[in-house]
Protein backbone atom coordinates (compact mmCIF):
# COMPACT_ATOMS: atom_id res chain seq x y z
CA UNK A 1 -26.11 110.89 -136.71
CA UNK A 2 -26.49 114.62 -137.09
CA UNK A 3 -24.88 116.53 -139.89
CA UNK A 4 -21.67 118.18 -138.70
CA UNK A 5 -22.29 121.87 -139.26
CA UNK A 6 -18.54 122.57 -139.25
CA UNK A 7 -18.14 120.67 -142.50
CA UNK A 8 -18.98 122.69 -145.53
CA UNK A 9 -17.83 123.19 -149.04
CA UNK A 10 -17.92 126.14 -151.43
CA UNK A 11 -21.38 124.83 -152.32
CA UNK A 12 -22.63 125.12 -148.76
CA UNK A 13 -23.15 122.66 -145.92
CA UNK A 14 -23.68 118.94 -146.62
CA UNK A 15 -27.25 118.06 -147.52
CA UNK A 16 -27.38 114.91 -145.41
CA UNK A 17 -25.44 112.60 -143.11
CA UNK A 18 -24.13 110.63 -146.09
CA UNK A 19 -22.65 113.80 -147.60
CA UNK A 20 -21.14 114.81 -144.25
CA UNK A 21 -19.55 111.38 -143.91
CA UNK A 22 -18.13 111.61 -147.44
CA UNK A 23 -16.71 115.07 -146.72
CA UNK A 24 -15.08 113.83 -143.49
CA UNK A 25 -13.52 110.91 -145.38
CA UNK A 26 -12.12 113.21 -148.07
CA UNK A 27 -10.75 115.57 -145.42
CA UNK A 28 -9.09 112.70 -143.53
CA UNK A 29 -7.34 111.22 -146.55
CA UNK A 30 -6.15 114.56 -147.91
CA UNK A 31 -5.17 116.29 -144.66
CA UNK A 32 -1.69 114.75 -144.56
CA UNK A 33 -1.11 114.07 -148.25
CA UNK A 34 2.55 115.09 -148.13
CA UNK A 35 3.34 112.76 -145.24
CA UNK A 36 1.40 109.94 -146.89
CA UNK A 37 3.29 110.40 -150.16
CA UNK A 38 6.62 110.42 -148.34
CA UNK A 39 5.69 107.20 -146.49
CA UNK A 40 4.55 105.50 -149.71
CA UNK A 41 7.79 106.48 -151.47
CA UNK A 42 9.82 105.07 -148.56
CA UNK A 43 7.85 101.80 -148.71
CA UNK A 44 8.35 101.48 -152.47
CA UNK A 45 12.09 102.20 -152.23
CA UNK A 46 12.53 99.84 -149.30
CA UNK A 47 10.59 97.03 -150.94
CA UNK A 48 12.47 97.41 -154.22
CA UNK A 49 15.95 98.27 -152.93
CA UNK A 50 17.47 95.14 -154.46
CA UNK A 51 16.16 95.70 -157.99
CA UNK A 52 18.65 96.17 -160.80
CA UNK A 53 17.16 99.56 -161.57
CA UNK A 54 17.53 101.09 -158.10
CA UNK A 55 20.93 99.50 -157.51
CA UNK A 56 22.15 101.26 -160.65
CA UNK A 57 21.71 104.61 -158.90
CA UNK A 58 23.41 103.56 -155.65
CA UNK A 59 20.68 104.53 -153.21
CA UNK A 60 22.38 102.26 -150.67
CA UNK A 61 19.11 101.62 -148.85
CA UNK A 62 18.08 105.29 -148.61
CA UNK A 63 14.32 105.76 -148.62
CA UNK A 64 13.99 109.51 -148.12
CA UNK A 65 12.60 111.93 -150.67
CA UNK A 66 15.70 114.15 -150.94
CA UNK A 67 18.06 111.26 -151.73
CA UNK A 68 15.55 109.92 -154.23
CA UNK A 69 15.30 113.31 -155.95
CA UNK A 70 19.06 113.73 -156.17
CA UNK A 71 19.95 110.21 -157.31
CA UNK A 72 17.06 109.00 -159.48
CA UNK A 73 16.66 110.86 -162.78
CA UNK A 74 13.40 111.75 -164.48
CA UNK A 75 13.06 109.25 -167.31
CA UNK A 76 10.97 108.38 -170.33
CA UNK A 77 9.59 105.06 -171.50
CA UNK A 78 12.49 104.79 -173.95
CA UNK A 79 14.94 104.92 -171.03
CA UNK A 80 13.52 101.73 -169.49
CA UNK A 81 12.36 100.05 -172.69
CA UNK A 82 15.24 97.50 -172.62
CA UNK A 83 14.29 96.45 -169.08
CA UNK A 84 10.62 96.25 -170.02
CA UNK A 85 11.51 94.12 -173.04
CA UNK A 86 13.49 91.73 -170.84
CA UNK A 87 10.49 91.35 -168.54
CA UNK A 88 8.16 90.87 -171.53
CA UNK A 89 10.52 88.16 -172.80
CA UNK A 90 10.08 86.25 -169.54
CA UNK A 91 12.98 87.39 -167.37
CA UNK A 92 11.69 86.97 -163.78
CA UNK A 93 14.67 88.53 -162.00
CA UNK A 94 14.13 91.70 -159.93
CA UNK A 95 14.71 94.21 -162.71
CA UNK A 96 12.20 97.00 -162.00
CA UNK A 97 10.24 95.39 -159.19
CA UNK A 98 11.07 93.03 -156.35
CA UNK A 99 7.88 91.14 -157.16
CA UNK A 100 7.55 89.25 -160.44
CA UNK A 101 5.68 91.21 -163.11
CA UNK A 102 3.13 88.93 -164.72
CA UNK A 103 1.38 91.30 -167.13
CA UNK A 104 1.60 94.67 -168.81
CA UNK A 105 -1.43 96.85 -169.44
CA UNK A 106 -1.66 99.62 -172.01
């Protein structure tokens, strides 16, 4: 496979096929970052629509970015600490996630 001369970086053209392949991969995954982020948000909201946390804000099944931004506040750890404590104490109901949380990492 020949190096694609149209791919270059501020450092110049790729040195080999492996570099060209890596540059193509990076370009592909970053080209539509906004659309990818919007799709991921929609998947997360859809998957977790029945959690106590999201129900509290009455999204009513909405999965779009604008509704999310207007209805879900920016929070701190302290804001969700009671829910986290419930999960840590063994509560397996859908509090913050539709899937059971089995461990916390710090």
